[in-house]
Amino acid sequence: MSGRTPVIAANWKMHKRRDEAAEFLDAFLPRATELNGVEIVVCPTYTALDVAIERCGSSRVRVAAQNMHFEREGAFTGEVSAAMLADAGADGVVLGHSERRALFGETDEALARKVPAALDAGLVPILCVGETEAQRDAGETEALLRAQVEADLAATEPGRLAELVVAYEPVWAIGTGRTASPEQAQEACAFIRSRLADRDAAGAEAVRILYGGSMKPANAAELLSQHDIDGGLVGGASLDPGDFASICEAAS
């Protein structure tokens, strides 16, 4: 055992209206009280943040947003700042998800500003990194992970690495039904930790690294048994309270 408290985060993406978020949490939260030794996070849409924060306020479940801007305020129509998320009661924020990178032009340069902005606002950044199928097939996985980790954390003080959560996303396994083998996932997560250790060895050992590629009840236990996998950033399987509870149970 690594001694790191595992994290299981539900990334609902663009799913669940306010009523649906409330229904999910009303079903899930009673089961969450029985789950010890695991940190649980739900990541709703902006419009359901207040519902999740209110429902989870008296529970052990934390709430994170799915994105944010790096500036505190300004003429950025449609954006939300870290300070605004903290003011709303959020505990963390997902940054650099593969869908944000691929579909909305999220850059490493922007993430290098977002990570310290989140930390300064008191939010826990869940920083996502990972390779596409073409990059893996070309043998570029390690080079890509190294480049992302170095660029995305370029402006983050090494002494603050322990405050991060990092999610490894094999992009080829998201929403495709494919899953990285436990060995592939462990190899990638261990490599990420080694790159973090180049900046701060103690901080790298404390960072929780999640697997974010189609984790579900059937494969969660095997993935979570790997030394450098400290939880999961769960997509599709997090939309059902029973499935998500089963994954949390596998980590507890």
C-alpha atoms as a PDB file:
ATOM      1  CA  MET A   1       0.000   0.000   0.000  1.00  0.00           C
ATOM      2  CA  SER A   2       1.251   3.474  -0.870  1.00  0.00           C
ATOM      3  CA  GLY A   3      -0.263   5.230   2.149  1.00  0.00           C
ATOM      4  CA  ARG A   4      -1.911   7.818  -0.129  1.00  0.00           C
ATOM      5  CA  THR A   5      -5.660   8.275   0.382  1.00  0.00           C
ATOM      6  CA  PRO A   6      -7.377   7.265  -2.876  1.00  0.00           C
ATOM      7  CA  VAL A   7      -9.602   9.720  -4.733  1.00  0.00           C
ATOM      8  CA  ILE A   8     -12.604   8.731  -6.828  1.00  0.00           C
ATOM      9  CA  ALA A   9     -14.004  11.635  -8.852  1.00  0.00           C
ATOM     10  CA  ALA A  10     -17.238  11.621 -10.879  1.00  0.00           C
ATOM     11  CA  ASN A  11     -16.849  13.695 -14.038  1.00  0.00           C
ATOM     12  CA  TRP A  12     -20.433  14.171 -15.218  1.00  0.00           C
ATOM     13  CA  LYS A  13     -19.310  16.190 -18.248  1.00  0.00           C
ATOM     14  CA  MET A  14     -22.351  17.795 -19.963  1.00  0.00           C
ATOM     15  CA  HIS A  15     -24.878  15.593 -18.194  1.00  0.00           C
ATOM     16  CA  LYS A  16     -27.446  16.083 -15.419  1.00  0.00           C
ATOM     17  CA  ARG A  17     -29.728  19.041 -15.015  1.00  0.00           C
ATOM     18  CA  ARG A  18     -30.247  20.378 -11.500  1.00  0.00           C
ATOM     19  CA  ASP A  19     -33.074  17.958 -10.737  1.00  0.00           C
ATOM     20  CA  GLU A  20     -31.052  15.025 -12.047  1.00  0.00           C
ATOM     21  CA  ALA A  21     -28.025  16.020  -9.969  1.00  0.00           C
ATOM     22  CA  ALA A  22     -30.206  16.193  -6.871  1.00  0.00           C
ATOM     23  CA  GLU A  23     -31.736  12.787  -7.641  1.00  0.00           C
ATOM     24  CA  PHE A  24     -28.281  11.230  -8.092  1.00  0.00           C
ATOM     25  CA  LEU A  25     -26.936  12.658  -4.847  1.00  0.00           C
ATOM     26  CA  ASP A  26     -30.029  11.720  -2.860  1.00  0.00           C
ATOM     27  CA  ALA A  27     -29.428   8.116  -3.955  1.00  0.00           C
ATOM     28  CA  PHE A  28     -25.638   8.136  -3.605  1.00  0.00           C
ATOM     29  CA  LEU A  29     -24.927  10.079  -0.425  1.00  0.00           C
ATOM     30  CA  PRO A  30     -26.426   7.514   1.991  1.00  0.00           C
ATOM     31  CA  ARG A  31     -24.042   4.924   0.555  1.00  0.00           C
ATOM     32  CA  ALA A  32     -21.119   7.344   0.776  1.00  0.00           C
ATOM     33  CA  THR A  33     -21.432   7.447   4.571  1.00  0.00           C
ATOM     34  CA  GLU A  34     -20.352   3.800   4.632  1.00  0.00           C
ATOM     35  CA  LEU A  35     -17.226   4.355   2.538  1.00  0.00           C
ATOM     36  CA  ASN A  36     -14.124   4.917   4.645  1.00  0.00           C
ATOM     37  CA  GLY A  37     -10.582   5.530   3.519  1.00  0.00           C
ATOM     38  CA  VAL A  38     -11.513   7.082   0.182  1.00  0.00           C
ATOM     39  CA  GLU A  39     -11.960  10.716  -0.877  1.00  0.00           C
ATOM     40  CA  ILE A  40     -15.024  11.174  -3.092  1.00  0.00           C
ATOM     41  CA  VAL A  41     -15.537  14.083  -5.487  1.00  0.00           C
ATOM     42  CA  VAL A  42     -18.395  14.934  -7.832  1.00  0.00           C
ATOM     43  CA  CYS A  43     -17.810  17.266 -10.786  1.00  0.00           C
ATOM     44  CA  PRO A  44     -21.126  18.632 -12.062  1.00  0.00           C
ATOM     45  CA  THR A  45     -21.890  21.233 -14.700  1.00  0.00           C
ATOM     46  CA  TYR A  46     -21.749  24.893 -13.671  1.00  0.00           C
ATOM     47  CA  THR A  47     -25.540  25.063 -13.520  1.00  0.00           C
ATOM     48  CA  ALA A  48     -25.727  22.181 -11.029  1.00  0.00           C
ATOM     49  CA  LEU A  49     -22.808  23.291  -8.862  1.00  0.00           C
ATOM     50  CA  ASP A  50     -25.034  24.940  -6.285  1.00  0.00           C
ATOM     51  CA  VAL A  51     -27.249  21.867  -6.019  1.00  0.00           C
ATOM     52  CA  ALA A  52     -24.228  19.604  -5.505  1.00  0.00           C
ATOM     53  CA  ILE A  53     -22.616  21.964  -3.001  1.00  0.00           C
ATOM     54  CA  GLU A  54     -25.837  22.228  -0.998  1.00  0.00           C
ATOM     55  CA  ARG A  55     -26.509  18.472  -1.051  1.00  0.00           C
ATOM     56  CA  CYS A  56     -22.894  17.532  -0.217  1.00  0.00           C
ATOM     57  CA  GLY A  57     -22.359  20.249   2.385  1.00  0.00           C
ATOM     58  CA  SER A  58     -23.029  18.014   5.384  1.00  0.00           C
ATOM     59  CA  SER A  59     -21.398  14.932   3.849  1.00  0.00           C
ATOM     60  CA  ARG A  60     -17.852  13.759   3.215  1.00  0.00           C
ATOM     61  CA  VAL A  61     -18.275  14.184  -0.564  1.00  0.00           C
ATOM     62  CA  ARG A  62     -16.472  17.135  -2.108  1.00  0.00           C
ATOM     63  CA  VAL A  63     -17.471  19.125  -5.209  1.00  0.00           C
ATOM     64  CA  ALA A  64     -15.254  20.241  -8.097  1.00  0.00           C
ATOM     65  CA  ALA A  65     -15.999  22.252 -11.231  1.00  0.00           C
ATOM     66  CA  GLN A  66     -15.034  21.032 -14.692  1.00  0.00           C
ATOM     67  CA  ASN A  67     -13.025  24.076 -15.854  1.00  0.00           C
ATOM     68  CA  MET A  68     -12.055  27.665 -14.969  1.00  0.00           C
ATOM     69  CA  HIS A  69     -10.258  30.729 -16.305  1.00  0.00           C
ATOM     70  CA  PHE A  70      -6.851  31.703 -14.970  1.00  0.00           C
ATOM     71  CA  GLU A  71      -7.685  35.387 -14.434  1.00  0.00           C
ATOM     72  CA  ARG A  72      -9.437  36.465 -11.243  1.00  0.00           C
ATOM     73  CA  GLU A  73     -11.854  38.740 -13.134  1.00  0.00           C
ATOM     74  CA  GLY A  74     -12.064  40.740 -16.325  1.00  0.00           C
ATOM     75  CA  ALA A  75     -13.593  41.006 -19.794  1.00  0.00           C
ATOM     76  CA  PHE A  76     -13.843  37.274 -20.469  1.00  0.00           C
ATOM     77  CA  THR A  77     -17.438  36.661 -21.490  1.00  0.00           C
ATOM     78  CA  GLY A  78     -18.660  33.180 -20.632  1.00  0.00           C
ATOM     79  CA  GLU A  79     -15.780  32.352 -18.288  1.00  0.00           C
ATOM     80  CA  VAL A  80     -15.680  31.562 -14.561  1.00  0.00           C
ATOM     81  CA  SER A  81     -12.689  32.280 -12.310  1.00  0.00           C
ATOM     82  CA  ALA A  82     -11.134  30.225  -9.524  1.00  0.00           C
ATOM     83  CA  ALA A  83     -12.166  32.894  -7.026  1.00  0.00           C
ATOM     84  CA  MET A  84     -15.777  32.606  -8.184  1.00  0.00           C
ATOM     85  CA  LEU A  85     -15.732  28.823  -7.816  1.00  0.00           C
ATOM     86  CA  ALA A  86     -14.276  29.085  -4.325  1.00  0.00           C
ATOM     87  CA  ASP A  87     -16.866  31.720  -3.429  1.00  0.00           C
ATOM     88  CA  ALA A  88     -19.619  29.354  -4.605  1.00  0.00           C
ATOM     89  CA  GLY A  89     -18.281  26.668  -2.271  1.00  0.00           C
ATOM     90  CA  ALA A  90     -16.408  24.412  -4.687  1.00  0.00           C
ATOM     91  CA  ASP A  91     -13.471  22.423  -3.342  1.00  0.00           C
ATOM     92  CA  GLY A  92     -11.599  21.748  -6.565  1.00  0.00           C
ATOM     93  CA  VAL A  93     -11.556  21.979 -10.355  1.00  0.00           C
ATOM     94  CA  VAL A  94     -10.730  19.675 -13.255  1.00  0.00           C
ATOM     95  CA  LEU A  95      -8.109  21.215 -15.544  1.00  0.00           C
ATOM     96  CA  GLY A  96      -6.853  20.156 -18.964  1.00  0.00           C
ATOM     97  CA  HIS A  97      -9.312  17.334 -19.580  1.00  0.00           C
ATOM     98  CA  SER A  98      -8.638  15.710 -22.943  1.00  0.00           C
ATOM     99  CA  GLU A  99     -11.989  16.953 -24.259  1.00  0.00           C
ATOM    100  CA  ARG A 100     -11.078  20.519 -23.306  1.00  0.00           C
ATOM    101  CA  ARG A 101      -7.753  20.112 -25.092  1.00  0.00           C
ATOM    102  CA  ALA A 102      -9.111  18.429 -28.236  1.00  0.00           C
ATOM    103  CA  LEU A 103     -12.460  20.181 -28.683  1.00  0.00           C
ATOM    104  CA  PHE A 104     -11.899  23.630 -27.184  1.00  0.00           C
ATOM    105  CA  GLY A 105      -8.247  24.379 -27.821  1.00  0.00           C
ATOM    106  CA  GLU A 106      -7.013  24.163 -24.215  1.00  0.00           C
ATOM    107  CA  THR A 107      -3.260  24.800 -24.307  1.00  0.00           C
ATOM    108  CA  ASP A 108      -0.415  23.901 -22.003  1.00  0.00           C
ATOM    109  CA  GLU A 109       0.358  27.611 -21.730  1.00  0.00           C
ATOM    110  CA  ALA A 110      -3.123  28.298 -20.358  1.00  0.00           C
ATOM    111  CA  LEU A 111      -2.876  25.362 -17.961  1.00  0.00           C
ATOM    112  CA  ALA A 112       0.442  26.651 -16.659  1.00  0.00           C
ATOM    113  CA  ARG A 113      -1.515  29.709 -15.482  1.00  0.00           C
ATOM    114  CA  LYS A 114      -4.618  27.847 -14.354  1.00  0.00           C
ATOM    115  CA  VAL A 115      -2.923  25.439 -11.931  1.00  0.00           C
ATOM    116  CA  PRO A 116      -1.355  28.109  -9.668  1.00  0.00           C
ATOM    117  CA  ALA A 117      -4.506  30.250  -9.948  1.00  0.00           C
ATOM    118  CA  ALA A 118      -6.568  27.337  -8.635  1.00  0.00           C
ATOM    119  CA  LEU A 119      -4.116  26.673  -5.814  1.00  0.00           C
ATOM    120  CA  ASP A 120      -4.032  30.343  -4.820  1.00  0.00           C
ATOM    121  CA  ALA A 121      -7.847  30.340  -4.611  1.00  0.00           C
ATOM    122  CA  GLY A 122      -7.809  27.317  -2.304  1.00  0.00           C
ATOM    123  CA  LEU A 123      -9.044  24.859  -4.937  1.00  0.00           C
ATOM    124  CA  VAL A 124      -7.557  21.417  -5.526  1.00  0.00           C
ATOM    125  CA  PRO A 125      -6.565  21.155  -9.208  1.00  0.00           C
ATOM    126  CA  ILE A 126      -7.243  17.803 -10.875  1.00  0.00           C
ATOM    127  CA  LEU A 127      -4.784  18.133 -13.745  1.00  0.00           C
ATOM    128  CA  CYS A 128      -5.392  15.777 -16.672  1.00  0.00           C
ATOM    129  CA  VAL A 129      -2.639  14.505 -18.961  1.00  0.00           C
ATOM    130  CA  GLY A 130      -2.605  11.698 -21.497  1.00  0.00           C
ATOM    131  CA  GLU A 131      -1.907  10.478 -25.010  1.00  0.00           C
ATOM    132  CA  THR A 132      -4.040   9.724 -28.055  1.00  0.00           C
ATOM    133  CA  GLU A 133      -4.164   6.353 -29.790  1.00  0.00           C
ATOM    134  CA  ALA A 134      -1.916   7.627 -32.589  1.00  0.00           C
ATOM    135  CA  GLN A 135       0.646   8.905 -30.096  1.00  0.00           C
ATOM    136  CA  ARG A 136       0.668   5.595 -28.195  1.00  0.00           C
ATOM    137  CA  ASP A 137       0.986   3.572 -31.398  1.00  0.00           C
ATOM    138  CA  ALA A 138       3.895   5.800 -32.459  1.00  0.00           C
ATOM    139  CA  GLY A 139       5.702   5.138 -29.175  1.00  0.00           C
ATOM    140  CA  GLU A 140       5.301   8.749 -28.063  1.00  0.00           C
ATOM    141  CA  THR A 141       3.482   8.186 -24.764  1.00  0.00           C
ATOM    142  CA  GLU A 142       6.369   9.047 -22.452  1.00  0.00           C
ATOM    143  CA  ALA A 143       7.508  12.027 -24.510  1.00  0.00           C
ATOM    144  CA  LEU A 144       3.965  13.410 -24.553  1.00  0.00           C
ATOM    145  CA  LEU A 145       3.433  12.880 -20.816  1.00  0.00           C
ATOM    146  CA  ARG A 146       6.795  14.471 -20.036  1.00  0.00           C
ATOM    147  CA  ALA A 147       5.998  17.506 -22.180  1.00  0.00           C
ATOM    148  CA  GLN A 148       2.543  17.980 -20.639  1.00  0.00           C
ATOM    149  CA  VAL A 149       3.703  17.612 -17.037  1.00  0.00           C
ATOM    150  CA  GLU A 150       6.620  19.990 -17.523  1.00  0.00           C
ATOM    151  CA  ALA A 151       4.618  22.622 -19.425  1.00  0.00           C
ATOM    152  CA  ASP A 152       1.447  22.490 -17.343  1.00  0.00           C
ATOM    153  CA  LEU A 153       3.343  22.835 -14.056  1.00  0.00           C
ATOM    154  CA  ALA A 154       5.966  25.300 -15.287  1.00  0.00           C
ATOM    155  CA  ALA A 155       4.636  28.104 -13.058  1.00  0.00           C
ATOM    156  CA  THR A 156       3.727  25.939 -10.056  1.00  0.00           C
ATOM    157  CA  GLU A 157       6.117  26.059  -7.127  1.00  0.00           C
ATOM    158  CA  PRO A 158       7.692  22.626  -6.546  1.00  0.00           C
ATOM    159  CA  GLY A 159       6.742  22.824  -2.880  1.00  0.00           C
ATOM    160  CA  ARG A 160       3.063  22.866  -3.843  1.00  0.00           C
ATOM    161  CA  LEU A 161       3.064  19.663  -5.907  1.00  0.00           C
ATOM    162  CA  ALA A 162       1.639  17.663  -3.012  1.00  0.00           C
ATOM    163  CA  GLU A 163      -1.527  19.790  -3.198  1.00  0.00           C
ATOM    164  CA  LEU A 164      -2.279  18.561  -6.729  1.00  0.00           C
ATOM    165  CA  VAL A 165      -4.214  15.612  -8.022  1.00  0.00           C
ATOM    166  CA  VAL A 166      -3.120  14.363 -11.452  1.00  0.00           C
ATOM    167  CA  ALA A 167      -5.343  12.255 -13.705  1.00  0.00           C
ATOM    168  CA  TYR A 168      -3.798  10.061 -16.392  1.00  0.00           C
ATOM    169  CA  GLU A 169      -6.142   9.884 -19.376  1.00  0.00           C
ATOM    170  CA  PRO A 170      -5.314   7.424 -22.128  1.00  0.00           C
ATOM    171  CA  VAL A 171      -7.448   9.307 -24.636  1.00  0.00           C
ATOM    172  CA  TRP A 172      -7.860   6.157 -26.729  1.00  0.00           C
ATOM    173  CA  ALA A 173      -9.717   4.536 -23.810  1.00  0.00           C
ATOM    174  CA  ILE A 174     -12.231   7.321 -23.094  1.00  0.00           C
ATOM    175  CA  GLY A 175     -15.753   6.571 -24.248  1.00  0.00           C
ATOM    176  CA  THR A 176     -14.517   3.822 -26.567  1.00  0.00           C
ATOM    177  CA  GLY A 177     -15.133   0.830 -24.330  1.00  0.00           C
ATOM    178  CA  ARG A 178     -11.396   0.131 -24.399  1.00  0.00           C
ATOM    179  CA  THR A 179      -9.422   0.263 -21.184  1.00  0.00           C
ATOM    180  CA  ALA A 180      -5.690   0.382 -20.633  1.00  0.00           C
ATOM    181  CA  SER A 181      -4.497  -2.823 -19.022  1.00  0.00           C
ATOM    182  CA  PRO A 182      -3.559  -2.473 -15.348  1.00  0.00           C
ATOM    183  CA  GLU A 183       0.072  -2.844 -16.412  1.00  0.00           C
ATOM    184  CA  GLN A 184      -0.196  -0.101 -19.044  1.00  0.00           C
ATOM    185  CA  ALA A 185      -1.957   2.208 -16.608  1.00  0.00           C
ATOM    186  CA  GLN A 186       0.581   1.551 -13.853  1.00  0.00           C
ATOM    187  CA  GLU A 187       3.499   2.147 -16.207  1.00  0.00           C
ATOM    188  CA  ALA A 188       2.111   5.523 -17.303  1.00  0.00           C
ATOM    189  CA  CYS A 189       1.220   6.645 -13.766  1.00  0.00           C
ATOM    190  CA  ALA A 190       4.646   5.623 -12.469  1.00  0.00           C
ATOM    191  CA  PHE A 191       6.258   7.602 -15.286  1.00  0.00           C
ATOM    192  CA  ILE A 192       4.202  10.680 -14.393  1.00  0.00           C
ATOM    193  CA  ARG A 193       5.290  10.354 -10.754  1.00  0.00           C
ATOM    194  CA  SER A 194       8.925  10.086 -11.822  1.00  0.00           C
ATOM    195  CA  ARG A 195       8.617  13.324 -13.803  1.00  0.00           C
ATOM    196  CA  LEU A 196       7.069  15.055 -10.793  1.00  0.00           C
ATOM    197  CA  ALA A 197       9.914  13.725  -8.659  1.00  0.00           C
ATOM    198  CA  ASP A 198      12.368  15.574 -10.878  1.00  0.00           C
ATOM    199  CA  ARG A 199      10.934  18.753  -9.354  1.00  0.00           C
ATOM    200  CA  ASP A 200      10.203  17.613  -5.802  1.00  0.00           C
ATOM    201  CA  ALA A 201      10.688  14.017  -4.653  1.00  0.00           C
ATOM    202  CA  ALA A 202       8.630  14.289  -1.466  1.00  0.00           C
ATOM    203  CA  GLY A 203       5.831  16.116  -3.227  1.00  0.00           C
ATOM    204  CA  ALA A 204       5.744  13.558  -6.032  1.00  0.00           C
ATOM    205  CA  GLU A 205       5.375  10.725  -3.540  1.00  0.00           C
ATOM    206  CA  ALA A 206       2.403  12.503  -1.959  1.00  0.00           C
ATOM    207  CA  VAL A 207       0.568  13.376  -5.210  1.00  0.00           C
ATOM    208  CA  ARG A 208      -2.508  11.258  -5.899  1.00  0.00           C
ATOM    209  CA  ILE A 209      -2.476  10.040  -9.518  1.00  0.00           C
ATOM    210  CA  LEU A 210      -5.818   8.871 -10.892  1.00  0.00           C
ATOM    211  CA  TYR A 211      -6.656   6.636 -13.827  1.00  0.00           C
ATOM    212  CA  GLY A 212      -9.114   8.289 -16.203  1.00  0.00           C
ATOM    213  CA  GLY A 213      -9.872   5.880 -19.008  1.00  0.00           C
ATOM    214  CA  SER A 214     -13.213   4.047 -18.756  1.00  0.00           C
ATOM    215  CA  MET A 215     -12.949   2.881 -15.157  1.00  0.00           C
ATOM    216  CA  LYS A 216     -16.045   0.900 -14.207  1.00  0.00           C
ATOM    217  CA  PRO A 217     -17.157  -1.544 -11.495  1.00  0.00           C
ATOM    218  CA  ALA A 218     -15.811  -4.535 -13.427  1.00  0.00           C
ATOM    219  CA  ASN A 219     -12.228  -3.273 -13.681  1.00  0.00           C
ATOM    220  CA  ALA A 220     -11.889  -0.813 -10.802  1.00  0.00           C
ATOM    221  CA  ALA A 221     -10.408  -3.168  -8.205  1.00  0.00           C
ATOM    222  CA  GLU A 222      -7.655  -4.430 -10.511  1.00  0.00           C
ATOM    223  CA  LEU A 223      -6.713  -0.934 -11.655  1.00  0.00           C
ATOM    224  CA  LEU A 224      -6.754   0.423  -8.104  1.00  0.00           C
ATOM    225  CA  SER A 225      -4.481  -2.366  -6.902  1.00  0.00           C
ATOM    226  CA  GLN A 226      -1.561  -0.865  -8.838  1.00  0.00           C
ATOM    227  CA  HIS A 227       0.999   0.945  -6.690  1.00  0.00           C
ATOM    228  CA  ASP A 228       0.956   4.279  -8.509  1.00  0.00           C
ATOM    229  CA  ILE A 229      -2.789   4.428  -9.236  1.00  0.00           C
ATOM    230  CA  ASP A 230      -4.435   6.325  -6.404  1.00  0.00           C
ATOM    231  CA  GLY A 231      -8.007   6.463  -7.659  1.00  0.00           C
ATOM    232  CA  GLY A 232     -10.061   7.246 -10.719  1.00  0.00           C
ATOM    233  CA  LEU A 233     -11.533  10.101 -12.720  1.00  0.00           C
ATOM    234  CA  VAL A 234     -14.712   8.331 -13.763  1.00  0.00           C
ATOM    235  CA  GLY A 235     -16.826   9.389 -16.734  1.00  0.00           C
ATOM    236  CA  GLY A 236     -19.692   7.245 -18.018  1.00  0.00           C
ATOM    237  CA  ALA A 237     -19.844   4.945 -14.991  1.00  0.00           C
ATOM    238  CA  SER A 238     -20.217   7.946 -12.688  1.00  0.00           C
ATOM    239  CA  LEU A 239     -23.630   8.824 -14.105  1.00  0.00           C
ATOM    240  CA  ASP A 240     -25.288   5.941 -12.263  1.00  0.00           C
ATOM    241  CA  PRO A 241     -25.208   6.201  -8.451  1.00  0.00           C
ATOM    242  CA  GLY A 242     -24.993   2.440  -8.011  1.00  0.00           C
ATOM    243  CA  ASP A 243     -22.093   2.015 -10.423  1.00  0.00           C
ATOM    244  CA  PHE A 244     -20.251   4.979  -8.952  1.00  0.00           C
ATOM    245  CA  ALA A 245     -20.753   3.655  -5.415  1.00  0.00           C
ATOM    246  CA  SER A 246     -19.338   0.295  -6.493  1.00  0.00           C
ATOM    247  CA  ILE A 247     -16.189   1.968  -7.807  1.00  0.00           C
ATOM    248  CA  CYS A 248     -15.836   3.962  -4.575  1.00  0.00           C
ATOM    249  CA  GLU A 249     -16.237   0.735  -2.604  1.00  0.00           C
ATOM    250  CA  ALA A 250     -13.405  -0.839  -4.602  1.00  0.00           C
ATOM    251  CA  ALA A 251     -11.155   2.015  -3.447  1.00  0.00           C
ATOM    252  CA  SER A 252     -12.196   2.041   0.191  1.00  0.00           C
END
